[in-house]
Amino acid sequence: MRSNRNGIRSVLAGTLLALLTASPAVLRAGGKALPALSRQHRIASSPATFNTPSDWVVSVAGTNPEVVDAIGGRVAVRILRWDSELGLDALHVMCMVERLAEPMALEPSIRYEYEFVGGEQRERRILDTAFAVRYTAPVMGFVEWRQRVVTLVGKGEGFCVVAFCPLPLWKQSREARDTLKAVVASVSLP
């Protein structure tokens, strides 16, 4: 069982690294080209950038310019940046508690799809986790959400990319899944 788990982790880590290095233009939804990621955005005091479709709304979350929310239709991506290299595991856990609503609006159970899949890319260490959460009241019309958290640490800074998708949409819409994956993969770090 242990070797099978390691094999699965290796495949997931390889997939993660492929997604983070792949050109979003090669991702397709049901044979159709995805919406172009035509708008580029910069992340606060870093030269890091990411791309979204033109109709997505991108804004600073709250008063912290190092936290950026990008929302398109019923999916969202939150990017958080730290100007220091925090411990990878600790930062990943901190980012796993990012939510679309206050913690009191969350049911305590979390269903993990996979967790703490690691890798390395261009002098940055990476952890990736995906899970489902349930809110006590609808958020943007849904109570069940899938979250994916990708944490990168290295070169003097830390980043978390948190992707949010309503669980029913994640299960039913390949286009929504692939668009969300493309936005996550478009994050470009110096």
N, C-alpha and C. Protein backbone atom coordinates (compact mmCIF):
# COMPACT_ATOMS: atom_id res chain seq x y z
N MET A 1 0.82 -1.19 0.00
CA MET A 1 0.00 0.00 0.00
C MET A 1 0.87 1.25 0.00
N ARG A 2 1.94 1.25 0.79
CA ARG A 2 2.81 2.43 0.87
C ARG A 2 3.41 2.76 -0.48
N SER A 3 3.91 1.76 -1.23
CA SER A 3 4.52 2.04 -2.53
C SER A 3 3.49 2.53 -3.53
N ASN A 4 2.25 2.03 -3.45
CA ASN A 4 1.19 2.51 -4.33
C ASN A 4 0.90 3.97 -4.04
N ARG A 5 0.84 4.35 -2.76
CA ARG A 5 0.60 5.74 -2.38
C ARG A 5 1.72 6.64 -2.92
N ASN A 6 2.98 6.18 -2.80
CA ASN A 6 4.10 6.96 -3.33
C ASN A 6 4.01 7.08 -4.84
N GLY A 7 3.57 6.03 -5.51
CA GLY A 7 3.39 6.09 -6.96
C GLY A 7 2.33 7.10 -7.36
N ILE A 8 1.23 7.12 -6.62
CA ILE A 8 0.16 8.08 -6.89
C ILE A 8 0.68 9.50 -6.65
N ARG A 9 1.43 9.69 -5.56
CA ARG A 9 1.99 11.01 -5.27
C ARG A 9 2.93 11.45 -6.39
N SER A 10 3.73 10.53 -6.94
CA SER A 10 4.65 10.88 -8.03
C SER A 10 3.88 11.32 -9.26
N VAL A 11 2.81 10.61 -9.58
CA VAL A 11 1.99 10.98 -10.74
C VAL A 11 1.36 12.35 -10.51
N LEU A 12 0.80 12.59 -9.31
CA LEU A 12 0.19 13.89 -9.01
C LEU A 12 1.22 15.00 -9.04
N ALA A 13 2.41 14.75 -8.49
CA ALA A 13 3.45 15.78 -8.51
C ALA A 13 3.86 16.10 -9.94
N GLY A 14 3.98 15.07 -10.77
CA GLY A 14 4.31 15.30 -12.19
C GLY A 14 3.22 16.09 -12.89
N THR A 15 1.96 15.78 -12.59
CA THR A 15 0.85 16.51 -13.18
C THR A 15 0.86 17.96 -12.72
N LEU A 16 1.12 18.18 -11.42
CA LEU A 16 1.20 19.55 -10.88
C LEU A 16 2.27 20.34 -11.60
N LEU A 17 3.46 19.76 -11.72
CA LEU A 17 4.55 20.49 -12.37
C LEU A 17 4.23 20.74 -13.83
N ALA A 18 3.58 19.80 -14.50
CA ALA A 18 3.20 20.00 -15.89
C ALA A 18 2.19 21.14 -16.01
N LEU A 19 1.22 21.19 -15.10
CA LEU A 19 0.23 22.27 -15.15
C LEU A 19 0.86 23.62 -14.88
N LEU A 20 1.81 23.68 -13.95
CA LEU A 20 2.43 24.96 -13.62
C LEU A 20 3.37 25.44 -14.71
N THR A 21 3.87 24.53 -15.55
CA THR A 21 4.80 24.94 -16.60
C THR A 21 4.16 24.94 -17.98
N ALA A 22 2.97 24.37 -18.10
CA ALA A 22 2.32 24.30 -19.41
C ALA A 22 1.79 25.66 -19.82
N SER A 23 1.78 25.89 -21.10
CA SER A 23 1.14 27.09 -21.62
C SER A 23 -0.36 26.92 -21.50
N PRO A 24 -1.08 27.86 -20.90
CA PRO A 24 -2.53 27.72 -20.79
C PRO A 24 -3.21 27.58 -22.15
N ALA A 25 -2.57 28.04 -23.21
CA ALA A 25 -3.18 27.95 -24.53
C ALA A 25 -3.36 26.50 -24.98
N VAL A 26 -2.58 25.57 -24.42
CA VAL A 26 -2.72 24.19 -24.86
C VAL A 26 -3.85 23.47 -24.15
N LEU A 27 -4.40 24.04 -23.09
CA LEU A 27 -5.51 23.41 -22.40
C LEU A 27 -6.78 23.57 -23.23
N ARG A 28 -7.55 22.52 -23.30
CA ARG A 28 -8.77 22.52 -24.10
C ARG A 28 -9.94 22.02 -23.26
N ALA A 29 -11.13 22.45 -23.57
CA ALA A 29 -12.34 21.98 -22.89
C ALA A 29 -13.21 21.26 -23.89
N GLY A 30 -13.29 19.94 -23.79
CA GLY A 30 -14.13 19.16 -24.69
C GLY A 30 -13.78 19.38 -26.14
N GLY A 31 -12.51 19.55 -26.46
CA GLY A 31 -12.07 19.77 -27.83
C GLY A 31 -12.18 21.23 -28.27
N LYS A 32 -12.82 22.07 -27.47
CA LYS A 32 -12.96 23.49 -27.80
C LYS A 32 -11.86 24.27 -27.11
N ALA A 33 -11.43 25.33 -27.75
CA ALA A 33 -10.44 26.20 -27.12
C ALA A 33 -11.09 26.92 -25.95
N LEU A 34 -10.36 27.06 -24.87
CA LEU A 34 -10.85 27.80 -23.72
C LEU A 34 -10.86 29.28 -24.03
N PRO A 35 -11.60 30.06 -23.24
CA PRO A 35 -11.53 31.51 -23.42
C PRO A 35 -10.08 31.96 -23.28
N ALA A 36 -9.70 32.89 -24.11
CA ALA A 36 -8.33 33.39 -24.06
C ALA A 36 -8.06 34.04 -22.71
N LEU A 37 -6.89 33.79 -22.17
CA LEU A 37 -6.48 34.47 -20.94
C LEU A 37 -5.80 35.76 -21.37
N SER A 38 -6.61 36.71 -21.80
CA SER A 38 -6.12 37.90 -22.50
C SER A 38 -5.69 39.05 -21.59
N ARG A 39 -6.04 38.99 -20.31
CA ARG A 39 -5.66 40.07 -19.40
C ARG A 39 -4.57 39.59 -18.45
N GLN A 40 -3.49 40.36 -18.38
CA GLN A 40 -2.41 40.02 -17.47
C GLN A 40 -2.47 40.96 -16.27
N HIS A 41 -2.22 40.39 -15.10
CA HIS A 41 -2.28 41.14 -13.85
C HIS A 41 -0.98 40.93 -13.10
N ARG A 42 -0.54 41.96 -12.39
CA ARG A 42 0.68 41.90 -11.59
C ARG A 42 0.30 41.73 -10.12
N ILE A 43 1.12 41.00 -9.39
CA ILE A 43 0.85 40.76 -7.98
C ILE A 43 1.67 41.72 -7.13
N ALA A 44 1.02 42.75 -6.64
CA ALA A 44 1.56 43.75 -5.70
C ALA A 44 3.01 44.12 -5.95
N SER A 45 3.83 43.97 -4.94
CA SER A 45 5.21 44.45 -4.99
C SER A 45 6.17 43.45 -5.63
N SER A 46 5.64 42.51 -6.36
CA SER A 46 6.45 41.48 -7.00
C SER A 46 6.29 41.58 -8.52
N PRO A 47 7.28 41.13 -9.27
CA PRO A 47 7.09 41.07 -10.72
C PRO A 47 6.24 39.87 -11.15
N ALA A 48 5.73 39.10 -10.19
CA ALA A 48 4.89 37.95 -10.52
C ALA A 48 3.61 38.40 -11.21
N THR A 49 3.17 37.62 -12.18
CA THR A 49 1.96 37.94 -12.93
C THR A 49 1.06 36.70 -13.04
N PHE A 50 -0.18 36.94 -13.43
CA PHE A 50 -1.09 35.86 -13.79
C PHE A 50 -2.06 36.40 -14.82
N ASN A 51 -2.71 35.50 -15.54
CA ASN A 51 -3.62 35.88 -16.62
C ASN A 51 -5.02 35.38 -16.34
N THR A 52 -6.00 36.14 -16.83
CA THR A 52 -7.41 35.74 -16.71
C THR A 52 -8.12 36.03 -18.03
N PRO A 53 -9.29 35.43 -18.23
CA PRO A 53 -10.14 35.85 -19.34
C PRO A 53 -10.52 37.32 -19.15
N SER A 54 -10.89 37.98 -20.22
CA SER A 54 -11.14 39.43 -20.17
C SER A 54 -12.33 39.81 -19.29
N ASP A 55 -13.28 38.91 -19.08
CA ASP A 55 -14.47 39.26 -18.29
C ASP A 55 -14.32 38.99 -16.79
N TRP A 56 -13.16 38.52 -16.36
CA TRP A 56 -12.96 38.28 -14.93
C TRP A 56 -12.73 39.61 -14.20
N VAL A 57 -13.19 39.67 -12.95
CA VAL A 57 -13.00 40.84 -12.10
C VAL A 57 -11.83 40.54 -11.16
N VAL A 58 -10.82 41.40 -11.19
CA VAL A 58 -9.63 41.21 -10.36
C VAL A 58 -9.52 42.41 -9.42
N SER A 59 -9.34 42.11 -8.12
CA SER A 59 -9.26 43.18 -7.14
C SER A 59 -8.39 42.74 -5.96
N VAL A 60 -7.92 43.74 -5.23
CA VAL A 60 -7.18 43.48 -3.99
C VAL A 60 -8.22 43.06 -2.95
N ALA A 61 -7.88 42.00 -2.20
CA ALA A 61 -8.79 41.51 -1.17
C ALA A 61 -8.59 42.31 0.11
N GLY A 62 -9.58 43.01 0.53
CA GLY A 62 -9.46 43.82 1.75
C GLY A 62 -8.48 44.96 1.57
N THR A 63 -7.62 45.14 2.57
CA THR A 63 -6.65 46.24 2.53
C THR A 63 -5.23 45.77 2.25
N ASN A 64 -5.03 44.49 2.05
CA ASN A 64 -3.69 43.95 1.83
C ASN A 64 -3.41 43.83 0.33
N PRO A 65 -2.51 44.65 -0.22
CA PRO A 65 -2.24 44.58 -1.66
C PRO A 65 -1.53 43.29 -2.08
N GLU A 66 -1.10 42.49 -1.11
CA GLU A 66 -0.43 41.22 -1.41
C GLU A 66 -1.43 40.07 -1.53
N VAL A 67 -2.73 40.36 -1.43
CA VAL A 67 -3.77 39.35 -1.61
C VAL A 67 -4.69 39.82 -2.72
N VAL A 68 -4.75 39.03 -3.78
CA VAL A 68 -5.52 39.41 -4.97
C VAL A 68 -6.59 38.36 -5.23
N ASP A 69 -7.81 38.80 -5.47
CA ASP A 69 -8.91 37.91 -5.85
C ASP A 69 -9.24 38.11 -7.32
N ALA A 70 -9.42 37.02 -8.02
CA ALA A 70 -9.85 37.05 -9.42
C ALA A 70 -11.10 36.17 -9.52
N ILE A 71 -12.20 36.77 -9.98
CA ILE A 71 -13.47 36.04 -10.03
C ILE A 71 -14.01 36.09 -11.45
N GLY A 72 -14.37 34.91 -11.94
CA GLY A 72 -14.95 34.80 -13.27
C GLY A 72 -16.16 33.90 -13.23
N GLY A 73 -17.32 34.46 -13.46
CA GLY A 73 -18.54 33.66 -13.38
C GLY A 73 -18.71 33.11 -11.98
N ARG A 74 -18.69 31.79 -11.86
CA ARG A 74 -18.90 31.16 -10.55
C ARG A 74 -17.63 30.55 -9.97
N VAL A 75 -16.47 30.85 -10.54
CA VAL A 75 -15.20 30.34 -10.01
C VAL A 75 -14.31 31.51 -9.60
N ALA A 76 -13.32 31.22 -8.75
CA ALA A 76 -12.45 32.28 -8.25
C ALA A 76 -11.06 31.74 -7.98
N VAL A 77 -10.08 32.64 -8.03
CA VAL A 77 -8.71 32.34 -7.67
C VAL A 77 -8.24 33.44 -6.73
N ARG A 78 -7.61 33.06 -5.63
CA ARG A 78 -7.02 34.02 -4.69
C ARG A 78 -5.52 33.76 -4.67
N ILE A 79 -4.74 34.83 -4.83
CA ILE A 79 -3.29 34.72 -4.81
C ILE A 79 -2.78 35.53 -3.62
N LEU A 80 -1.99 34.89 -2.80
CA LEU A 80 -1.42 35.53 -1.61
C LEU A 80 0.09 35.51 -1.74
N ARG A 81 0.74 36.59 -1.32
CA ARG A 81 2.20 36.71 -1.44
C ARG A 81 2.80 37.19 -0.13
N TRP A 82 3.94 36.61 0.22
CA TRP A 82 4.72 37.03 1.38
C TRP A 82 6.12 37.39 0.91
N ASP A 83 6.66 38.44 1.48
CA ASP A 83 7.99 38.91 1.11
C ASP A 83 9.06 38.23 1.97
N SER A 84 8.89 36.93 2.18
CA SER A 84 9.86 36.14 2.92
C SER A 84 9.60 34.67 2.62
N GLU A 85 10.60 33.86 2.88
CA GLU A 85 10.46 32.43 2.68
C GLU A 85 10.01 31.78 3.98
N LEU A 86 8.72 31.68 4.16
CA LEU A 86 8.20 30.98 5.32
C LEU A 86 8.39 29.49 5.10
N GLY A 87 8.29 28.69 6.14
CA GLY A 87 8.38 27.25 5.98
C GLY A 87 7.29 26.77 5.03
N LEU A 88 7.63 25.90 4.11
CA LEU A 88 6.67 25.45 3.09
C LEU A 88 5.45 24.80 3.71
N ASP A 89 5.64 23.85 4.62
CA ASP A 89 4.50 23.17 5.24
C ASP A 89 3.61 24.15 6.01
N ALA A 90 4.24 25.03 6.79
CA ALA A 90 3.48 25.99 7.59
C ALA A 90 2.69 26.95 6.70
N LEU A 91 3.32 27.44 5.65
CA LEU A 91 2.62 28.36 4.74
C LEU A 91 1.48 27.64 4.04
N HIS A 92 1.71 26.40 3.62
CA HIS A 92 0.67 25.63 2.94
C HIS A 92 -0.55 25.45 3.86
N VAL A 93 -0.31 25.11 5.11
CA VAL A 93 -1.42 24.95 6.06
C VAL A 93 -2.14 26.28 6.27
N MET A 94 -1.40 27.38 6.37
CA MET A 94 -2.03 28.70 6.51
C MET A 94 -2.94 28.99 5.33
N CYS A 95 -2.50 28.63 4.14
CA CYS A 95 -3.30 28.91 2.94
C CYS A 95 -4.47 27.95 2.78
N MET A 96 -4.36 26.77 3.36
CA MET A 96 -5.47 25.82 3.28
C MET A 96 -6.69 26.29 4.05
N VAL A 97 -6.53 27.26 4.95
CA VAL A 97 -7.69 27.77 5.70
C VAL A 97 -8.32 28.99 5.02
N GLU A 98 -7.80 29.39 3.87
CA GLU A 98 -8.44 30.47 3.11
C GLU A 98 -9.83 30.00 2.69
N ARG A 99 -10.81 30.85 2.86
CA ARG A 99 -12.19 30.51 2.51
C ARG A 99 -12.86 31.70 1.84
N LEU A 100 -14.02 31.44 1.26
CA LEU A 100 -14.82 32.48 0.63
C LEU A 100 -15.74 33.17 1.62
N ALA A 101 -15.85 32.61 2.83
CA ALA A 101 -16.69 33.20 3.88
C ALA A 101 -15.95 33.06 5.20
N GLU A 102 -16.51 33.67 6.23
CA GLU A 102 -15.91 33.61 7.57
C GLU A 102 -15.87 32.16 8.08
N PRO A 103 -14.89 31.83 8.92
CA PRO A 103 -14.76 30.46 9.42
C PRO A 103 -16.01 29.93 10.12
N MET A 104 -16.76 30.79 10.77
CA MET A 104 -17.97 30.33 11.47
C MET A 104 -19.05 29.88 10.50
N ALA A 105 -18.92 30.22 9.22
CA ALA A 105 -19.91 29.82 8.21
C ALA A 105 -19.53 28.51 7.54
N LEU A 106 -18.61 27.78 8.15
CA LEU A 106 -18.07 26.57 7.54
C LEU A 106 -18.41 25.36 8.41
N GLU A 107 -18.87 24.29 7.78
CA GLU A 107 -19.06 23.05 8.53
C GLU A 107 -17.68 22.44 8.79
N PRO A 108 -17.52 21.73 9.90
CA PRO A 108 -16.17 21.28 10.29
C PRO A 108 -15.55 20.19 9.42
N SER A 109 -16.34 19.43 8.69
CA SER A 109 -15.75 18.32 7.93
C SER A 109 -15.17 18.80 6.60
N ILE A 110 -14.01 18.25 6.27
CA ILE A 110 -13.34 18.53 5.00
C ILE A 110 -13.04 17.19 4.34
N ARG A 111 -13.35 17.08 3.06
CA ARG A 111 -13.08 15.84 2.31
C ARG A 111 -11.92 16.09 1.36
N TYR A 112 -10.80 15.41 1.61
CA TYR A 112 -9.61 15.61 0.81
C TYR A 112 -9.65 14.76 -0.45
N GLU A 113 -9.32 15.39 -1.58
CA GLU A 113 -9.14 14.68 -2.84
C GLU A 113 -7.70 14.16 -2.89
N TYR A 114 -6.77 15.01 -2.53
CA TYR A 114 -5.37 14.65 -2.32
C TYR A 114 -4.76 15.74 -1.46
N GLU A 115 -3.63 15.42 -0.79
CA GLU A 115 -3.04 16.42 0.09
C GLU A 115 -1.53 16.33 0.12
N PHE A 116 -0.91 17.48 0.26
CA PHE A 116 0.54 17.63 0.43
C PHE A 116 1.34 16.88 -0.64
N VAL A 117 0.95 17.06 -1.89
CA VAL A 117 1.73 16.51 -3.00
C VAL A 117 2.83 17.53 -3.29
N GLY A 118 4.07 17.09 -3.26
CA GLY A 118 5.18 18.02 -3.37
C GLY A 118 5.95 17.92 -4.67
N GLY A 119 6.75 18.94 -4.90
CA GLY A 119 7.62 18.97 -6.06
C GLY A 119 8.55 20.16 -5.96
N GLU A 120 9.31 20.37 -7.01
CA GLU A 120 10.22 21.50 -7.06
C GLU A 120 10.29 21.99 -8.50
N GLN A 121 10.37 23.31 -8.65
CA GLN A 121 10.46 23.90 -9.97
C GLN A 121 11.24 25.20 -9.88
N ARG A 122 12.26 25.35 -10.69
CA ARG A 122 13.05 26.57 -10.75
C ARG A 122 13.38 27.15 -9.37
N GLU A 123 14.01 26.36 -8.55
CA GLU A 123 14.46 26.78 -7.22
C GLU A 123 13.32 27.14 -6.27
N ARG A 124 12.12 26.64 -6.54
CA ARG A 124 10.98 26.84 -5.63
C ARG A 124 10.43 25.46 -5.27
N ARG A 125 10.12 25.33 -3.97
CA ARG A 125 9.48 24.11 -3.51
C ARG A 125 7.97 24.31 -3.58
N ILE A 126 7.24 23.24 -3.91
CA ILE A 126 5.80 23.33 -4.18
C ILE A 126 5.06 22.27 -3.38
N LEU A 127 3.91 22.67 -2.83
CA LEU A 127 2.95 21.72 -2.25
C LEU A 127 1.59 21.99 -2.87
N ASP A 128 0.82 20.93 -3.07
CA ASP A 128 -0.48 21.01 -3.71
C ASP A 128 -1.47 20.15 -2.93
N THR A 129 -2.66 20.69 -2.65
CA THR A 129 -3.71 19.97 -1.94
C THR A 129 -5.06 20.37 -2.55
N ALA A 130 -5.96 19.40 -2.68
CA ALA A 130 -7.32 19.68 -3.15
C ALA A 130 -8.31 19.02 -2.20
N PHE A 131 -9.39 19.74 -1.90
CA PHE A 131 -10.37 19.23 -0.94
C PHE A 131 -11.71 19.91 -1.16
N ALA A 132 -12.75 19.36 -0.54
CA ALA A 132 -14.09 19.92 -0.63
C ALA A 132 -14.52 20.41 0.75
N VAL A 133 -15.16 21.57 0.78
CA VAL A 133 -15.70 22.14 2.02
C VAL A 133 -17.18 22.42 1.83
N ARG A 134 -17.87 22.53 2.95
CA ARG A 134 -19.30 22.82 2.93
C ARG A 134 -19.56 24.00 3.86
N TYR A 135 -20.24 25.03 3.32
CA TYR A 135 -20.61 26.20 4.10
C TYR A 135 -22.00 25.99 4.68
N THR A 136 -22.30 26.67 5.78
CA THR A 136 -23.61 26.54 6.41
C THR A 136 -24.68 27.32 5.65
N ALA A 137 -24.27 28.25 4.81
CA ALA A 137 -25.20 29.03 3.98
C ALA A 137 -24.55 29.19 2.60
N PRO A 138 -25.34 29.36 1.56
CA PRO A 138 -24.76 29.49 0.22
C PRO A 138 -23.78 30.66 0.10
N VAL A 139 -22.70 30.41 -0.60
CA VAL A 139 -21.72 31.43 -0.96
C VAL A 139 -21.74 31.49 -2.48
N MET A 140 -22.06 32.65 -3.02
CA MET A 140 -22.21 32.81 -4.47
C MET A 140 -23.16 31.75 -5.04
N GLY A 141 -24.17 31.37 -4.22
CA GLY A 141 -25.20 30.45 -4.68
C GLY A 141 -24.95 28.98 -4.39
N PHE A 142 -23.81 28.62 -3.78
CA PHE A 142 -23.48 27.21 -3.54
C PHE A 142 -23.00 27.00 -2.11
N VAL A 143 -23.31 25.83 -1.55
CA VAL A 143 -22.81 25.51 -0.20
C VAL A 143 -21.60 24.59 -0.25
N GLU A 144 -21.44 23.80 -1.30
CA GLU A 144 -20.30 22.89 -1.40
C GLU A 144 -19.32 23.42 -2.44
N TRP A 145 -18.06 23.52 -2.02
CA TRP A 145 -17.01 24.07 -2.87
C TRP A 145 -15.79 23.16 -2.89
N ARG A 146 -15.13 23.10 -4.02
CA ARG A 146 -13.84 22.43 -4.13
C ARG A 146 -12.77 23.52 -4.08
N GLN A 147 -11.73 23.28 -3.29
CA GLN A 147 -10.61 24.19 -3.21
C GLN A 147 -9.34 23.45 -3.58
N ARG A 148 -8.49 24.14 -4.32
CA ARG A 148 -7.16 23.63 -4.61
C ARG A 148 -6.18 24.68 -4.12
N VAL A 149 -5.19 24.27 -3.35
CA VAL A 149 -4.19 25.18 -2.81
C VAL A 149 -2.82 24.75 -3.32
N VAL A 150 -2.17 25.65 -4.06
CA VAL A 150 -0.81 25.42 -4.54
C VAL A 150 0.08 26.45 -3.84
N THR A 151 1.07 25.97 -3.10
CA THR A 151 1.97 26.83 -2.34
C THR A 151 3.37 26.71 -2.93
N LEU A 152 4.01 27.86 -3.15
CA LEU A 152 5.37 27.89 -3.70
C LEU A 152 6.24 28.74 -2.79
N VAL A 153 7.42 28.22 -2.44
CA VAL A 153 8.35 28.94 -1.57
C VAL A 153 9.74 28.87 -2.19
N GLY A 154 10.41 30.01 -2.23
CA GLY A 154 11.78 30.06 -2.73
C GLY A 154 12.12 31.44 -3.23
N LYS A 155 13.42 31.68 -3.45
CA LYS A 155 13.91 32.96 -3.96
C LYS A 155 13.47 34.13 -3.10
N GLY A 156 13.36 33.89 -1.78
CA GLY A 156 13.06 34.98 -0.86
C GLY A 156 11.60 35.35 -0.71
N GLU A 157 10.68 34.57 -1.28
CA GLU A 157 9.27 34.90 -1.14
C GLU A 157 8.41 33.63 -1.13
N GLY A 158 7.17 33.79 -0.71
CA GLY A 158 6.21 32.70 -0.68
C GLY A 158 4.93 33.11 -1.37
N PHE A 159 4.32 32.17 -2.08
CA PHE A 159 3.06 32.41 -2.79
C PHE A 159 2.10 31.27 -2.51
N CYS A 160 0.82 31.60 -2.42
CA CYS A 160 -0.23 30.60 -2.41
C CYS A 160 -1.22 30.98 -3.50
N VAL A 161 -1.62 29.99 -4.26
CA VAL A 161 -2.65 30.16 -5.28
C VAL A 161 -3.80 29.25 -4.86
N VAL A 162 -4.94 29.85 -4.53
CA VAL A 162 -6.09 29.10 -4.05
C VAL A 162 -7.20 29.21 -5.09
N ALA A 163 -7.61 28.06 -5.63
CA ALA A 163 -8.66 28.03 -6.64
C ALA A 163 -9.96 27.53 -5.99
N PHE A 164 -11.05 28.23 -6.25
CA PHE A 164 -12.35 27.90 -5.68
C PHE A 164 -13.33 27.59 -6.81
N CYS A 165 -14.05 26.47 -6.68
CA CYS A 165 -15.07 26.12 -7.68
C CYS A 165 -16.22 25.42 -6.96
N PRO A 166 -17.47 25.81 -7.25
CA PRO A 166 -18.59 25.08 -6.65
C PRO A 166 -18.47 23.61 -7.02
N LEU A 167 -18.64 22.73 -6.05
CA LEU A 167 -18.45 21.30 -6.29
C LEU A 167 -19.33 20.76 -7.41
N PRO A 168 -20.62 21.14 -7.48
CA PRO A 168 -21.43 20.64 -8.60
C PRO A 168 -20.88 21.10 -9.97
N LEU A 169 -20.38 22.31 -10.04
CA LEU A 169 -19.82 22.82 -11.29
C LEU A 169 -18.54 22.08 -11.62
N TRP A 170 -17.71 21.82 -10.62
CA TRP A 170 -16.46 21.08 -10.83
C TRP A 170 -16.75 19.71 -11.44
N LYS A 171 -17.81 19.06 -10.96
CA LYS A 171 -18.16 17.72 -11.43
C LYS A 171 -18.78 17.73 -12.82
N GLN A 172 -19.48 18.82 -13.18
CA GLN A 172 -20.27 18.84 -14.41
C GLN A 172 -19.65 19.60 -15.57
N SER A 173 -18.79 20.55 -15.31
CA SER A 173 -18.32 21.43 -16.38
C SER A 173 -16.82 21.31 -16.61
N ARG A 174 -16.46 20.64 -17.68
CA ARG A 174 -15.05 20.53 -18.03
C ARG A 174 -14.49 21.91 -18.36
N GLU A 175 -15.29 22.75 -18.98
CA GLU A 175 -14.83 24.09 -19.32
C GLU A 175 -14.46 24.89 -18.06
N ALA A 176 -15.31 24.81 -17.02
CA ALA A 176 -15.00 25.51 -15.77
C ALA A 176 -13.72 24.96 -15.15
N ARG A 177 -13.59 23.62 -15.12
CA ARG A 177 -12.37 23.01 -14.56
C ARG A 177 -11.14 23.47 -15.31
N ASP A 178 -11.19 23.39 -16.65
CA ASP A 178 -10.01 23.71 -17.45
C ASP A 178 -9.67 25.20 -17.41
N THR A 179 -10.68 26.06 -17.37
CA THR A 179 -10.41 27.50 -17.26
C THR A 179 -9.73 27.80 -15.93
N LEU A 180 -10.24 27.21 -14.86
CA LEU A 180 -9.64 27.42 -13.55
C LEU A 180 -8.20 26.90 -13.52
N LYS A 181 -7.97 25.73 -14.08
CA LYS A 181 -6.61 25.18 -14.14
C LYS A 181 -5.69 26.08 -14.97
N ALA A 182 -6.21 26.64 -16.04
CA ALA A 182 -5.40 27.52 -16.90
C ALA A 182 -5.01 28.80 -16.16
N VAL A 183 -5.93 29.38 -15.40
CA VAL A 183 -5.61 30.59 -14.65
C VAL A 183 -4.54 30.26 -13.61
N VAL A 184 -4.68 29.15 -12.90
CA VAL A 184 -3.67 28.74 -11.92
C VAL A 184 -2.33 28.52 -12.61
N ALA A 185 -2.34 27.84 -13.76
CA ALA A 185 -1.10 27.56 -14.48
C ALA A 185 -0.45 28.81 -15.06
N SER A 186 -1.23 29.89 -15.20
CA SER A 186 -0.67 31.11 -15.81
C SER A 186 0.17 31.92 -14.84
N VAL A 187 0.14 31.57 -13.55
CA VAL A 187 0.94 32.32 -12.58
C VAL A 187 2.40 32.19 -12.96
N SER A 188 3.02 33.35 -13.17
CA SER A 188 4.43 33.39 -13.60
C SER A 188 5.25 34.09 -12.54
N LEU A 189 6.20 33.36 -11.97
CA LEU A 189 7.04 33.91 -10.92
C LEU A 189 8.43 34.16 -11.46
N PRO A 190 9.09 35.22 -10.99
CA PRO A 190 10.43 35.54 -11.50
C PRO A 190 11.44 34.47 -11.12
